[in-house]
C-alpha atoms as a PDB file:
ATOM      1  CA  MET A   1     -28.390 -25.552  -7.423  1.00  0.00           C
ATOM      2  CA  ASN A   2     -26.082 -23.338  -9.847  1.00  0.00           C
ATOM      3  CA  PRO A   3     -22.211 -24.747 -10.669  1.00  0.00           C
ATOM      4  CA  LEU A   4     -20.849 -22.254  -7.986  1.00  0.00           C
ATOM      5  CA  SER A   5     -23.192 -23.677  -4.829  1.00  0.00           C
ATOM      6  CA  THR A   6     -22.828 -27.121  -6.046  1.00  0.00           C
ATOM      7  CA  LEU A   7     -18.981 -26.435  -5.854  1.00  0.00           C
ATOM      8  CA  ILE A   8     -19.307 -25.007  -2.333  1.00  0.00           C
ATOM      9  CA  GLU A   9     -21.107 -28.381  -1.260  1.00  0.00           C
ATOM     10  CA  LYS A  10     -17.953 -30.389  -2.270  1.00  0.00           C
ATOM     11  CA  PHE A  11     -16.001 -28.385   0.432  1.00  0.00           C
ATOM     12  CA  SER A  12     -17.158 -30.263   3.437  1.00  0.00           C
ATOM     13  CA  SER A  13     -15.651 -33.573   2.107  1.00  0.00           C
ATOM     14  CA  LEU A  14     -12.229 -31.595   1.750  1.00  0.00           C
ATOM     15  CA  ARG A  15      -8.907 -31.962   4.409  1.00  0.00           C
ATOM     16  CA  VAL A  16      -6.728 -28.664   4.080  1.00  0.00           C
ATOM     17  CA  LEU A  17      -3.506 -28.524   5.055  1.00  0.00           C
ATOM     18  CA  VAL A  18      -2.263 -25.166   6.182  1.00  0.00           C
ATOM     19  CA  ILE A  19       1.187 -23.893   6.998  1.00  0.00           C
ATOM     20  CA  GLY A  20       2.581 -20.594   7.969  1.00  0.00           C
ATOM     21  CA  ASP A  21       2.553 -17.686  10.496  1.00  0.00           C
ATOM     22  CA  LEU A  22       0.026 -18.047  13.327  1.00  0.00           C
ATOM     23  CA  MET A  23      -0.839 -14.797  15.086  1.00  0.00           C
ATOM     24  CA  VAL A  24      -3.019 -13.416  17.523  1.00  0.00           C
ATOM     25  CA  ASP A  25      -5.441 -10.238  16.951  1.00  0.00           C
ATOM     26  CA  ALA A  26      -6.194  -8.461  19.834  1.00  0.00           C
ATOM     27  CA  TYR A  27      -9.079  -5.848  19.930  1.00  0.00           C
ATOM     28  CA  THR A  28      -9.798  -3.128  22.398  1.00  0.00           C
ATOM     29  CA  TRP A  29     -13.478  -1.805  21.908  1.00  0.00           C
ATOM     30  CA  GLY A  30     -14.010   1.495  23.282  1.00  0.00           C
ATOM     31  CA  LYS A  31     -15.485   4.981  23.594  1.00  0.00           C
ATOM     32  CA  VAL A  32     -13.738   8.280  23.213  1.00  0.00           C
ATOM     33  CA  ASN A  33     -15.336  11.480  24.789  1.00  0.00           C
ATOM     34  CA  ARG A  34     -12.159  13.671  25.005  1.00  0.00           C
ATOM     35  CA  ILE A  35      -8.583  14.659  24.174  1.00  0.00           C
ATOM     36  CA  SER A  36      -5.739  13.514  26.514  1.00  0.00           C
ATOM     37  CA  PRO A  37      -4.283  16.587  28.560  1.00  0.00           C
ATOM     38  CA  GLU A  38      -0.838  15.156  28.343  1.00  0.00           C
ATOM     39  CA  ALA A  39      -0.774  14.850  24.657  1.00  0.00           C
ATOM     40  CA  PRO A  40      -3.163  15.692  21.378  1.00  0.00           C
ATOM     41  CA  VAL A  41      -4.614  11.929  21.075  1.00  0.00           C
ATOM     42  CA  PRO A  42      -8.079  10.391  22.302  1.00  0.00           C
ATOM     43  CA  VAL A  43      -8.940   8.844  25.416  1.00  0.00           C
ATOM     44  CA  VAL A  44     -10.626   5.572  24.915  1.00  0.00           C
ATOM     45  CA  ASN A  45     -12.469   4.042  27.665  1.00  0.00           C
ATOM     46  CA  VAL A  46     -12.369   0.413  27.181  1.00  0.00           C
ATOM     47  CA  ILE A  47     -15.984  -1.214  26.840  1.00  0.00           C
ATOM     48  CA  LYS A  48     -14.262  -4.704  26.058  1.00  0.00           C
ATOM     49  CA  ARG A  49     -11.202  -6.537  24.696  1.00  0.00           C
ATOM     50  CA  GLU A  50     -11.193  -9.431  22.412  1.00  0.00           C
ATOM     51  CA  SER A  51      -8.500 -12.053  21.405  1.00  0.00           C
ATOM     52  CA  ARG A  52      -9.048 -13.645  18.072  1.00  0.00           C
ATOM     53  CA  LEU A  53      -6.645 -15.840  15.383  1.00  0.00           C
ATOM     54  CA  GLY A  54      -5.055 -14.057  12.938  1.00  0.00           C
ATOM     55  CA  GLY A  55      -2.289 -14.827  10.428  1.00  0.00           C
ATOM     56  CA  ALA A  56      -2.696 -18.211   9.064  1.00  0.00           C
ATOM     57  CA  GLY A  57      -4.922 -18.919  12.135  1.00  0.00           C
ATOM     58  CA  ASN A  58      -7.639 -16.974  10.593  1.00  0.00           C
ATOM     59  CA  VAL A  59      -7.135 -18.636   6.969  1.00  0.00           C
ATOM     60  CA  VAL A  60      -7.696 -21.731   9.425  1.00  0.00           C
ATOM     61  CA  LEU A  61     -10.851 -20.440  11.022  1.00  0.00           C
ATOM     62  CA  ASN A  62     -12.145 -19.728   7.041  1.00  0.00           C
ATOM     63  CA  ILE A  63     -11.106 -23.519   6.157  1.00  0.00           C
ATOM     64  CA  ALA A  64     -13.376 -24.638   8.994  1.00  0.00           C
ATOM     65  CA  SER A  65     -16.306 -22.259   8.347  1.00  0.00           C
ATOM     66  CA  LEU A  66     -16.175 -23.208   4.661  1.00  0.00           C
ATOM     67  CA  GLY A  67     -17.116 -26.982   5.807  1.00  0.00           C
ATOM     68  CA  ALA A  68     -13.627 -28.513   5.127  1.00  0.00           C
ATOM     69  CA  LYS A  69     -11.177 -29.586   8.079  1.00  0.00           C
ATOM     70  CA  PRO A  70      -8.413 -27.676   8.648  1.00  0.00           C
ATOM     71  CA  TYR A  71      -5.100 -29.069   9.754  1.00  0.00           C
ATOM     72  CA  VAL A  72      -2.517 -26.508  10.782  1.00  0.00           C
ATOM     73  CA  CYS A  73       1.414 -26.285  10.859  1.00  0.00           C
ATOM     74  CA  SER A  74       3.080 -23.291  12.620  1.00  0.00           C
ATOM     75  CA  VAL A  75       5.642 -22.476  14.909  1.00  0.00           C
ATOM     76  CA  ILE A  76       4.999 -19.902  17.810  1.00  0.00           C
ATOM     77  CA  GLY A  77       6.392 -18.905  21.396  1.00  0.00           C
ATOM     78  CA  ASP A  78       6.186 -20.602  24.883  1.00  0.00           C
ATOM     79  CA  ASP A  79       4.532 -17.408  26.452  1.00  0.00           C
ATOM     80  CA  ALA A  80       1.267 -15.954  27.043  1.00  0.00           C
ATOM     81  CA  THR A  81       0.213 -15.015  24.260  1.00  0.00           C
ATOM     82  CA  GLY A  82       0.837 -18.683  22.392  1.00  0.00           C
ATOM     83  CA  GLU A  83      -1.273 -20.015  25.232  1.00  0.00           C
ATOM     84  CA  THR A  84      -3.977 -17.611  24.322  1.00  0.00           C
ATOM     85  CA  LEU A  85      -3.480 -18.801  20.427  1.00  0.00           C
ATOM     86  CA  GLN A  86      -4.031 -22.543  21.008  1.00  0.00           C
ATOM     87  CA  GLY A  87      -7.064 -21.936  23.728  1.00  0.00           C
ATOM     88  CA  ILE A  88      -8.733 -20.195  20.735  1.00  0.00           C
ATOM     89  CA  LEU A  89      -8.059 -22.633  18.380  1.00  0.00           C
ATOM     90  CA  GLN A  90      -9.251 -25.253  20.606  1.00  0.00           C
ATOM     91  CA  ALA A  91     -12.551 -23.533  21.843  1.00  0.00           C
ATOM     92  CA  ALA A  92     -13.227 -23.561  17.990  1.00  0.00           C
ATOM     93  CA  GLY A  93     -12.891 -27.362  18.193  1.00  0.00           C
ATOM     94  CA  LEU A  94      -9.718 -27.182  15.858  1.00  0.00           C
ATOM     95  CA  SER A  95      -6.570 -29.338  16.596  1.00  0.00           C
ATOM     96  CA  THR A  96      -2.953 -27.686  17.941  1.00  0.00           C
ATOM     97  CA  SER A  97      -1.107 -31.001  17.273  1.00  0.00           C
ATOM     98  CA  GLY A  98       0.667 -29.348  14.468  1.00  0.00           C
ATOM     99  CA  ILE A  99       1.918 -26.346  16.346  1.00  0.00           C
ATOM    100  CA  ILE A 100       5.546 -26.217  17.555  1.00  0.00           C
ATOM    101  CA  THR A 101       6.892 -23.806  20.511  1.00  0.00           C
ATOM    102  CA  GLU A 102       9.831 -22.281  20.535  1.00  0.00           C
ATOM    103  CA  LYS A 103      11.403 -21.206  23.893  1.00  0.00           C
ATOM    104  CA  GLY A 104      12.248 -17.659  23.595  1.00  0.00           C
ATOM    105  CA  ARG A 105      10.539 -16.984  20.781  1.00  0.00           C
ATOM    106  CA  PRO A 106       7.727 -14.312  21.078  1.00  0.00           C
ATOM    107  CA  THR A 107       3.959 -14.885  19.573  1.00  0.00           C
ATOM    108  CA  THR A 108       2.637 -12.369  17.076  1.00  0.00           C
ATOM    109  CA  VAL A 109       0.499 -10.445  18.414  1.00  0.00           C
ATOM    110  CA  LYS A 110      -1.230  -7.462  16.781  1.00  0.00           C
ATOM    111  CA  GLU A 111      -3.502  -5.162  18.891  1.00  0.00           C
ATOM    112  CA  ARG A 112      -5.884  -2.740  17.512  1.00  0.00           C
ATOM    113  CA  VAL A 113      -7.953   0.111  19.361  1.00  0.00           C
ATOM    114  CA  ILE A 114     -11.242   1.054  17.671  1.00  0.00           C
ATOM    115  CA  ALA A 115     -13.675   3.451  18.909  1.00  0.00           C
ATOM    116  CA  GLY A 116     -16.828   2.962  17.263  1.00  0.00           C
ATOM    117  CA  SER A 117     -16.091   2.146  13.775  1.00  0.00           C
ATOM    118  CA  GLN A 118     -12.826   3.747  13.843  1.00  0.00           C
ATOM    119  CA  GLN A 119      -8.990   2.012  14.304  1.00  0.00           C
ATOM    120  CA  LEU A 120      -7.253   4.492  15.941  1.00  0.00           C
ATOM    121  CA  ILE A 121      -3.860   2.591  16.380  1.00  0.00           C
ATOM    122  CA  ARG A 122      -2.436  -0.807  15.858  1.00  0.00           C
ATOM    123  CA  VAL A 123       0.598  -2.179  18.106  1.00  0.00           C
ATOM    124  CA  ASP A 124       2.428  -5.272  16.798  1.00  0.00           C
ATOM    125  CA  SER A 125       4.273  -7.466  19.176  1.00  0.00           C
ATOM    126  CA  GLU A 126       6.450  -9.770  17.017  1.00  0.00           C
ATOM    127  CA  THR A 127       9.826 -11.128  15.750  1.00  0.00           C
ATOM    128  CA  GLU A 128      10.581 -11.828  11.822  1.00  0.00           C
ATOM    129  CA  ALA A 129      13.703 -13.754  13.048  1.00  0.00           C
ATOM    130  CA  PRO A 130      13.572 -17.474  11.310  1.00  0.00           C
ATOM    131  CA  VAL A 131      12.479 -20.332  13.694  1.00  0.00           C
ATOM    132  CA  SER A 132      15.171 -22.518  14.945  1.00  0.00           C
ATOM    133  CA  LEU A 133      16.477 -25.515  12.823  1.00  0.00           C
ATOM    134  CA  ALA A 134      15.082 -27.585  15.275  1.00  0.00           C
ATOM    135  CA  SER A 135      11.616 -26.257  15.102  1.00  0.00           C
ATOM    136  CA  SER A 136      11.700 -25.674  11.086  1.00  0.00           C
ATOM    137  CA  LYS A 137      12.634 -29.964  11.075  1.00  0.00           C
ATOM    138  CA  ALA A 138       9.857 -30.637  13.830  1.00  0.00           C
ATOM    139  CA  LEU A 139       7.461 -28.938  11.539  1.00  0.00           C
ATOM    140  CA  LEU A 140       8.521 -30.701   8.105  1.00  0.00           C
ATOM    141  CA  GLU A 141       8.343 -34.256   9.624  1.00  0.00           C
ATOM    142  CA  GLN A 142       4.693 -33.321  10.967  1.00  0.00           C
ATOM    143  CA  VAL A 143       3.959 -32.062   7.309  1.00  0.00           C
ATOM    144  CA  LYS A 144       5.325 -35.539   6.237  1.00  0.00           C
ATOM    145  CA  ALA A 145       3.004 -37.264   8.735  1.00  0.00           C
ATOM    146  CA  TRP A 146      -0.075 -35.484   7.516  1.00  0.00           C
ATOM    147  CA  LEU A 147       0.549 -36.061   3.438  1.00  0.00           C
ATOM    148  CA  PRO A 148      -1.315 -38.724   2.900  1.00  0.00           C
ATOM    149  CA  GLU A 149      -3.928 -37.640   4.804  1.00  0.00           C
ATOM    150  CA  VAL A 150      -5.014 -33.982   3.022  1.00  0.00           C
ATOM    151  CA  ASP A 151      -6.067 -32.692  -0.356  1.00  0.00           C
ATOM    152  CA  VAL A 152      -4.586 -29.705  -0.891  1.00  0.00           C
ATOM    153  CA  ILE A 153      -1.675 -27.554   1.217  1.00  0.00           C
ATOM    154  CA  LEU A 154      -1.984 -23.641   1.771  1.00  0.00           C
ATOM    155  CA  PHE A 155       1.206 -21.915   2.376  1.00  0.00           C
ATOM    156  CA  GLU A 156       0.393 -18.639   4.787  1.00  0.00           C
ATOM    157  CA  ASP A 157       3.293 -16.505   4.594  1.00  0.00           C
ATOM    158  CA  TYR A 158       3.416 -13.551   6.964  1.00  0.00           C
ATOM    159  CA  ASP A 159       7.211 -13.393   6.782  1.00  0.00           C
ATOM    160  CA  LYS A 160       7.483 -14.028  10.442  1.00  0.00           C
ATOM    161  CA  GLY A 161       9.841 -16.383  10.492  1.00  0.00           C
ATOM    162  CA  VAL A 162       8.135 -20.009  10.135  1.00  0.00           C
ATOM    163  CA  LEU A 163       8.957 -20.397   6.306  1.00  0.00           C
ATOM    164  CA  SER A 164      12.070 -20.378   4.634  1.00  0.00           C
ATOM    165  CA  THR A 165      12.813 -20.962   0.930  1.00  0.00           C
ATOM    166  CA  GLU A 166      14.386 -24.483   1.941  1.00  0.00           C
ATOM    167  CA  LEU A 167      11.192 -25.821   3.883  1.00  0.00           C
ATOM    168  CA  ILE A 168       9.233 -24.056   1.407  1.00  0.00           C
ATOM    169  CA  GLN A 169      10.902 -26.332  -1.603  1.00  0.00           C
ATOM    170  CA  GLU A 170      10.950 -29.285   0.285  1.00  0.00           C
ATOM    171  CA  ILE A 171       7.141 -29.015   0.776  1.00  0.00           C
ATOM    172  CA  ILE A 172       6.356 -28.545  -2.786  1.00  0.00           C
ATOM    173  CA  SER A 173       8.405 -31.137  -3.949  1.00  0.00           C
ATOM    174  CA  LEU A 174       7.058 -33.738  -1.545  1.00  0.00           C
ATOM    175  CA  ALA A 175       3.170 -32.590  -2.677  1.00  0.00           C
ATOM    176  CA  LYS A 176       4.346 -32.966  -6.398  1.00  0.00           C
ATOM    177  CA  ALA A 177       5.247 -36.557  -5.660  1.00  0.00           C
ATOM    178  CA  LYS A 178       2.073 -37.445  -4.117  1.00  0.00           C
ATOM    179  CA  GLN A 179      -0.153 -34.973  -6.658  1.00  0.00           C
ATOM    180  CA  ILE A 180      -1.303 -32.609  -3.898  1.00  0.00           C
ATOM    181  CA  PRO A 181      -1.876 -29.280  -5.090  1.00  0.00           C
ATOM    182  CA  THR A 182      -0.135 -26.006  -3.629  1.00  0.00           C
ATOM    183  CA  VAL A 183      -1.853 -22.979  -2.747  1.00  0.00           C
ATOM    184  CA  VAL A 184       0.451 -19.873  -2.000  1.00  0.00           C
ATOM    185  CA  ASP A 185      -0.389 -16.375  -0.160  1.00  0.00           C
ATOM    186  CA  PRO A 186       3.138 -14.827  -0.373  1.00  0.00           C
ATOM    187  CA  LYS A 187       4.944 -11.718   1.322  1.00  0.00           C
ATOM    188  CA  LYS A 188       8.021 -10.343   0.028  1.00  0.00           C
ATOM    189  CA  LYS A 189      11.025 -12.137   1.690  1.00  0.00           C
ATOM    190  CA  ASN A 190       9.851 -15.245   0.189  1.00  0.00           C
ATOM    191  CA  PHE A 191       8.489 -14.336  -3.014  1.00  0.00           C
ATOM    192  CA  PHE A 192      10.388 -15.956  -5.151  1.00  0.00           C
ATOM    193  CA  ALA A 193      10.821 -19.212  -3.156  1.00  0.00           C
ATOM    194  CA  TYR A 194       7.642 -21.000  -4.225  1.00  0.00           C
ATOM    195  CA  SER A 195       8.244 -22.025  -7.959  1.00  0.00           C
ATOM    196  CA  GLY A 196       6.434 -25.091  -8.771  1.00  0.00           C
ATOM    197  CA  ALA A 197       3.449 -24.010  -6.819  1.00  0.00           C
ATOM    198  CA  THR A 198       0.079 -24.901  -8.594  1.00  0.00           C
ATOM    199  CA  LEU A 199      -1.761 -21.524  -7.559  1.00  0.00           C
ATOM    200  CA  PHE A 200       0.106 -18.444  -6.397  1.00  0.00           C
ATOM    201  CA  LYS A 201      -1.815 -15.738  -5.098  1.00  0.00           C
ATOM    202  CA  PRO A 202      -0.397 -12.418  -4.476  1.00  0.00           C
ATOM    203  CA  ASN A 203      -2.574  -8.681  -4.545  1.00  0.00           C
ATOM    204  CA  LEU A 204      -1.479  -5.967  -6.501  1.00  0.00           C
ATOM    205  CA  ASN A 205       0.952  -4.101  -4.042  1.00  0.00           C
ATOM    206  CA  GLU A 206       2.403  -7.636  -3.426  1.00  0.00           C
ATOM    207  CA  LEU A 207       3.228  -8.449  -7.150  1.00  0.00           C
ATOM    208  CA  ARG A 208       4.410  -4.926  -7.326  1.00  0.00           C
ATOM    209  CA  ASP A 209       6.881  -4.524  -4.356  1.00  0.00           C
ATOM    210  CA  GLY A 210       7.593  -8.449  -4.760  1.00  0.00           C
ATOM    211  CA  LEU A 211       8.898  -7.918  -8.547  1.00  0.00           C
ATOM    212  CA  GLY A 212      10.427  -4.397  -8.142  1.00  0.00           C
ATOM    213  CA  LEU A 213       8.134  -3.220 -10.779  1.00  0.00           C
ATOM    214  CA  GLU A 214       6.687   0.442 -12.114  1.00  0.00           C
ATOM    215  CA  ALA A 215       2.928   1.176 -11.606  1.00  0.00           C
ATOM    216  CA  ALA A 216       2.893   0.908 -15.294  1.00  0.00           C
ATOM    217  CA  ALA A 217       3.561  -2.683 -15.069  1.00  0.00           C
ATOM    218  CA  ILE A 218       0.637  -3.169 -13.009  1.00  0.00           C
ATOM    219  CA  ALA A 219      -1.876  -0.931 -14.960  1.00  0.00           C
ATOM    220  CA  PRO A 220      -4.972  -2.426 -16.461  1.00  0.00           C
ATOM    221  CA  GLU A 221      -3.569  -2.542 -20.006  1.00  0.00           C
ATOM    222  CA  THR A 222      -0.289  -4.654 -18.795  1.00  0.00           C
ATOM    223  CA  ILE A 223      -1.285  -6.589 -16.031  1.00  0.00           C
ATOM    224  CA  ALA A 224      -1.696  -9.633 -18.025  1.00  0.00           C
ATOM    225  CA  LYS A 225       1.820  -9.560 -19.669  1.00  0.00           C
ATOM    226  CA  THR A 226       3.107  -8.824 -16.002  1.00  0.00           C
ATOM    227  CA  VAL A 227       1.190 -11.974 -15.036  1.00  0.00           C
ATOM    228  CA  ALA A 228       1.898 -14.066 -17.784  1.00  0.00           C
ATOM    229  CA  ASP A 229       5.718 -13.350 -17.466  1.00  0.00           C
ATOM    230  CA  PHE A 230       5.784 -14.314 -13.820  1.00  0.00           C
ATOM    231  CA  LYS A 231       3.698 -17.302 -13.873  1.00  0.00           C
ATOM    232  CA  ALA A 232       6.191 -18.588 -16.904  1.00  0.00           C
ATOM    233  CA  ALA A 233       9.398 -17.953 -14.809  1.00  0.00           C
ATOM    234  CA  GLN A 234       8.305 -19.679 -11.428  1.00  0.00           C
ATOM    235  CA  SER A 235       6.490 -22.329 -13.520  1.00  0.00           C
ATOM    236  CA  PHE A 236       3.234 -21.857 -11.873  1.00  0.00           C
ATOM    237  CA  THR A 237      -0.006 -23.744 -12.860  1.00  0.00           C
ATOM    238  CA  GLY A 238      -2.039 -20.659 -11.854  1.00  0.00           C
ATOM    239  CA  LEU A 239      -1.435 -16.983 -10.919  1.00  0.00           C
ATOM    240  CA  PHE A 240      -4.168 -15.357  -9.281  1.00  0.00           C
ATOM    241  CA  VAL A 241      -3.982 -11.434  -8.438  1.00  0.00           C
ATOM    242  CA  THR A 242      -6.477  -9.685  -6.092  1.00  0.00           C
ATOM    243  CA  MET A 243      -6.879  -6.263  -7.171  1.00  0.00           C
ATOM    244  CA  SER A 244      -9.142  -4.302  -4.963  1.00  0.00           C
ATOM    245  CA  GLU A 245     -11.422  -2.204  -6.529  1.00  0.00           C
ATOM    246  CA  ARG A 246     -10.328  -3.423 -10.053  1.00  0.00           C
ATOM    247  CA  GLY A 247     -11.647  -6.993  -8.936  1.00  0.00           C
ATOM    248  CA  VAL A 248      -9.380  -9.838  -9.419  1.00  0.00           C
ATOM    249  CA  TYR A 249      -7.505 -11.345 -12.425  1.00  0.00           C
ATOM    250  CA  MET A 250      -6.442 -15.036 -12.927  1.00  0.00           C
ATOM    251  CA  ASP A 251      -4.203 -16.784 -15.281  1.00  0.00           C
ATOM    252  CA  PHE A 252      -4.659 -20.595 -14.605  1.00  0.00           C
ATOM    253  CA  ALA A 253      -2.959 -23.103 -17.047  1.00  0.00           C
ATOM    254  CA  ALA A 254      -4.529 -21.790 -20.431  1.00  0.00           C
ATOM    255  CA  ASP A 255      -7.436 -19.384 -19.289  1.00  0.00           C
ATOM    256  CA  GLN A 256      -7.248 -15.805 -18.402  1.00  0.00           C
ATOM    257  CA  ILE A 257      -9.948 -14.347 -16.830  1.00  0.00           C
ATOM    258  CA  GLN A 258     -10.964 -10.744 -15.064  1.00  0.00           C
ATOM    259  CA  ILE A 259     -13.567 -10.186 -12.760  1.00  0.00           C
ATOM    260  CA  PRO A 260     -14.734  -6.921 -11.534  1.00  0.00           C
ATOM    261  CA  ALA A 261     -15.263  -6.357  -8.179  1.00  0.00           C
ATOM    262  CA  HIS A 262     -18.673  -6.843  -6.403  1.00  0.00           C
ATOM    263  CA  ILE A 263     -20.119  -3.412  -4.991  1.00  0.00           C
ATOM    264  CA  ARG A 264     -19.868  -3.464  -1.129  1.00  0.00           C
ATOM    265  CA  GLN A 265     -20.875  -1.281   1.821  1.00  0.00           C
ATOM    266  CA  ILE A 266     -16.904  -1.553   2.801  1.00  0.00           C
ATOM    267  CA  ALA A 267     -16.635  -1.736   6.481  1.00  0.00           C
ATOM    268  CA  ASP A 268     -12.792  -3.016   7.175  1.00  0.00           C
ATOM    269  CA  VAL A 269     -10.628  -4.754   4.560  1.00  0.00           C
ATOM    270  CA  SER A 270      -8.575  -6.841   7.012  1.00  0.00           C
ATOM    271  CA  GLY A 271      -8.698 -10.427   6.444  1.00  0.00           C
ATOM    272  CA  ALA A 272     -10.092 -10.023   3.247  1.00  0.00           C
ATOM    273  CA  GLY A 273      -7.141 -11.780   1.587  1.00  0.00           C
ATOM    274  CA  ASP A 274      -6.925 -14.654   4.183  1.00  0.00           C
ATOM    275  CA  THR A 275     -10.746 -15.460   2.801  1.00  0.00           C
ATOM    276  CA  VAL A 276      -9.867 -15.093  -0.558  1.00  0.00           C
ATOM    277  CA  ILE A 277      -6.899 -17.719  -0.259  1.00  0.00           C
ATOM    278  CA  SER A 278      -8.987 -19.839   1.599  1.00  0.00           C
ATOM    279  CA  ILE A 279     -11.789 -20.165  -0.680  1.00  0.00           C
ATOM    280  CA  ALA A 280      -9.567 -20.438  -3.905  1.00  0.00           C
ATOM    281  CA  ALA A 281      -7.869 -23.313  -2.203  1.00  0.00           C
ATOM    282  CA  CYS A 282     -10.990 -25.168  -1.552  1.00  0.00           C
ATOM    283  CA  ALA A 283     -12.259 -24.204  -5.094  1.00  0.00           C
ATOM    284  CA  LEU A 284      -8.965 -25.693  -6.776  1.00  0.00           C
ATOM    285  CA  ALA A 285      -9.208 -28.902  -4.690  1.00  0.00           C
ATOM    286  CA  ALA A 286     -12.694 -29.332  -5.276  1.00  0.00           C
ATOM    287  CA  GLY A 287     -12.251 -29.453  -8.866  1.00  0.00           C
ATOM    288  CA  GLY A 288     -13.294 -26.236  -9.624  1.00  0.00           C
ATOM    289  CA  SER A 289     -12.854 -24.546 -12.976  1.00  0.00           C
ATOM    290  CA  ALA A 290     -10.249 -21.476 -13.249  1.00  0.00           C
ATOM    291  CA  ALA A 291     -13.414 -18.706 -13.802  1.00  0.00           C
ATOM    292  CA  GLN A 292     -15.286 -20.662 -10.825  1.00  0.00           C
ATOM    293  CA  ILE A 293     -12.088 -20.369  -8.561  1.00  0.00           C
ATOM    294  CA  ALA A 294     -11.799 -16.778  -9.027  1.00  0.00           C
ATOM    295  CA  GLU A 295     -15.909 -15.683  -9.239  1.00  0.00           C
ATOM    296  CA  LEU A 296     -16.284 -17.745  -5.856  1.00  0.00           C
ATOM    297  CA  ALA A 297     -12.820 -16.149  -4.238  1.00  0.00           C
ATOM    298  CA  ASN A 298     -13.903 -12.868  -5.633  1.00  0.00           C
ATOM    299  CA  LEU A 299     -17.484 -12.734  -4.080  1.00  0.00           C
ATOM    300  CA  GLY A 300     -15.921 -14.321  -0.693  1.00  0.00           C
ATOM    301  CA  GLY A 301     -13.760 -11.649  -0.565  1.00  0.00           C
ATOM    302  CA  GLY A 302     -15.695  -8.919  -0.803  1.00  0.00           C
ATOM    303  CA  LEU A 303     -18.618 -10.428   1.766  1.00  0.00           C
ATOM    304  CA  VAL A 304     -16.156 -10.634   4.346  1.00  0.00           C
ATOM    305  CA  CYS A 305     -15.565  -6.967   3.853  1.00  0.00           C
ATOM    306  CA  GLU A 306     -18.967  -6.067   4.817  1.00  0.00           C
ATOM    307  CA  SER A 307     -17.924  -7.150   8.741  1.00  0.00           C
ATOM    308  CA  LEU A 308     -15.778  -4.720  11.139  1.00  0.00           C
ATOM    309  CA  GLY A 309     -12.617  -6.587  11.960  1.00  0.00           C
ATOM    310  CA  VAL A 310     -11.008  -9.702  10.848  1.00  0.00           C
ATOM    311  CA  VAL A 311     -13.941 -12.278  10.780  1.00  0.00           C
ATOM    312  CA  PRO A 312     -14.118 -15.395   8.592  1.00  0.00           C
ATOM    313  CA  ILE A 313     -16.361 -16.164   5.948  1.00  0.00           C
ATOM    314  CA  ASP A 314     -20.071 -17.121   6.695  1.00  0.00           C
ATOM    315  CA  VAL A 315     -20.263 -20.195   4.171  1.00  0.00           C
ATOM    316  CA  GLU A 316     -24.627 -20.151   4.086  1.00  0.00           C
ATOM    317  CA  LEU A 317     -24.207 -16.435   3.130  1.00  0.00           C
ATOM    318  CA  LEU A 318     -21.807 -17.313   0.290  1.00  0.00           C
ATOM    319  CA  LYS A 319     -23.957 -19.998  -1.178  1.00  0.00           C
ATOM    320  CA  ARG A 320     -26.891 -17.421  -1.014  1.00  0.00           C
ATOM    321  CA  GLU A 321     -24.978 -15.063  -3.116  1.00  0.00           C
ATOM    322  CA  ALA A 322     -23.322 -17.514  -4.934  1.00  0.00           C
ATOM    323  CA  GLY A 323     -26.711 -18.349  -5.962  1.00  0.00           C
ATOM    324  CA  LYS A 324     -27.631 -15.294  -7.546  1.00  0.00           C
ATOM    325  CA  ILE A 325     -24.465 -15.220  -9.970  1.00  0.00           C
END
């Protein structure tokens, strides 16, 4: 068994705390045979409808698929979508005890209409307003209760109001005191709120937008300096940038690694970032080197792009592909 496969075997002993924005990914699958007489748009004849976990929920599913035990902390609405979300978690055998429901708050749902392999439209129902102070305090108390049990904390931030600067910094401080690594999948609003995190993972566009950079700052010849400067300014142990067709770049402790993308038959990039961050968090907690974390996460992200829709990684497929590297 090669080192990457050995690392994957260690995932089954891990306990991963996922904190962030849960949502539902809803799909309407159908066929298009004509254009509407009412407007120049396709008429979709529905074949089936499906609801899946999205956002931090897809990360939770990825963690479970990798063999680790996920703990999830989030705030959702007390609505029908929230009930659907909790039902999906329970059907997957996952606990909902860390989920706080807030009266009057809508649960995020992203509805996709797909004909064949073509996504026609996406309709989002959500709020980006911060959760209430009471909900935030309840979430923090749940995190404190679980800290003695977990091996790594993963922040899954979608800018939907669950995570605030104060909450983020409180949790990072608590984690540091217990020597628990923290891994971050950021969005723009809280981009500078994660100082002191162990591993920060933006994609190239998030890095550019978050720092307000020109394209030249993220070009192949300048990305290393841009990453090193931001890593030092934010006191990260590591910064891991996913760069689509350019692969990934990792600056972790004293190591700098760039790995090209694996050539894949791309069907859908939705959810690839969730898979990458899930694998990176598990590989870090399992004691992987910077090169191993980057290689394995890069491999997994490519694999899920071969499936249509947001789907978690198949750990057996990951093992097989890792064995070829």
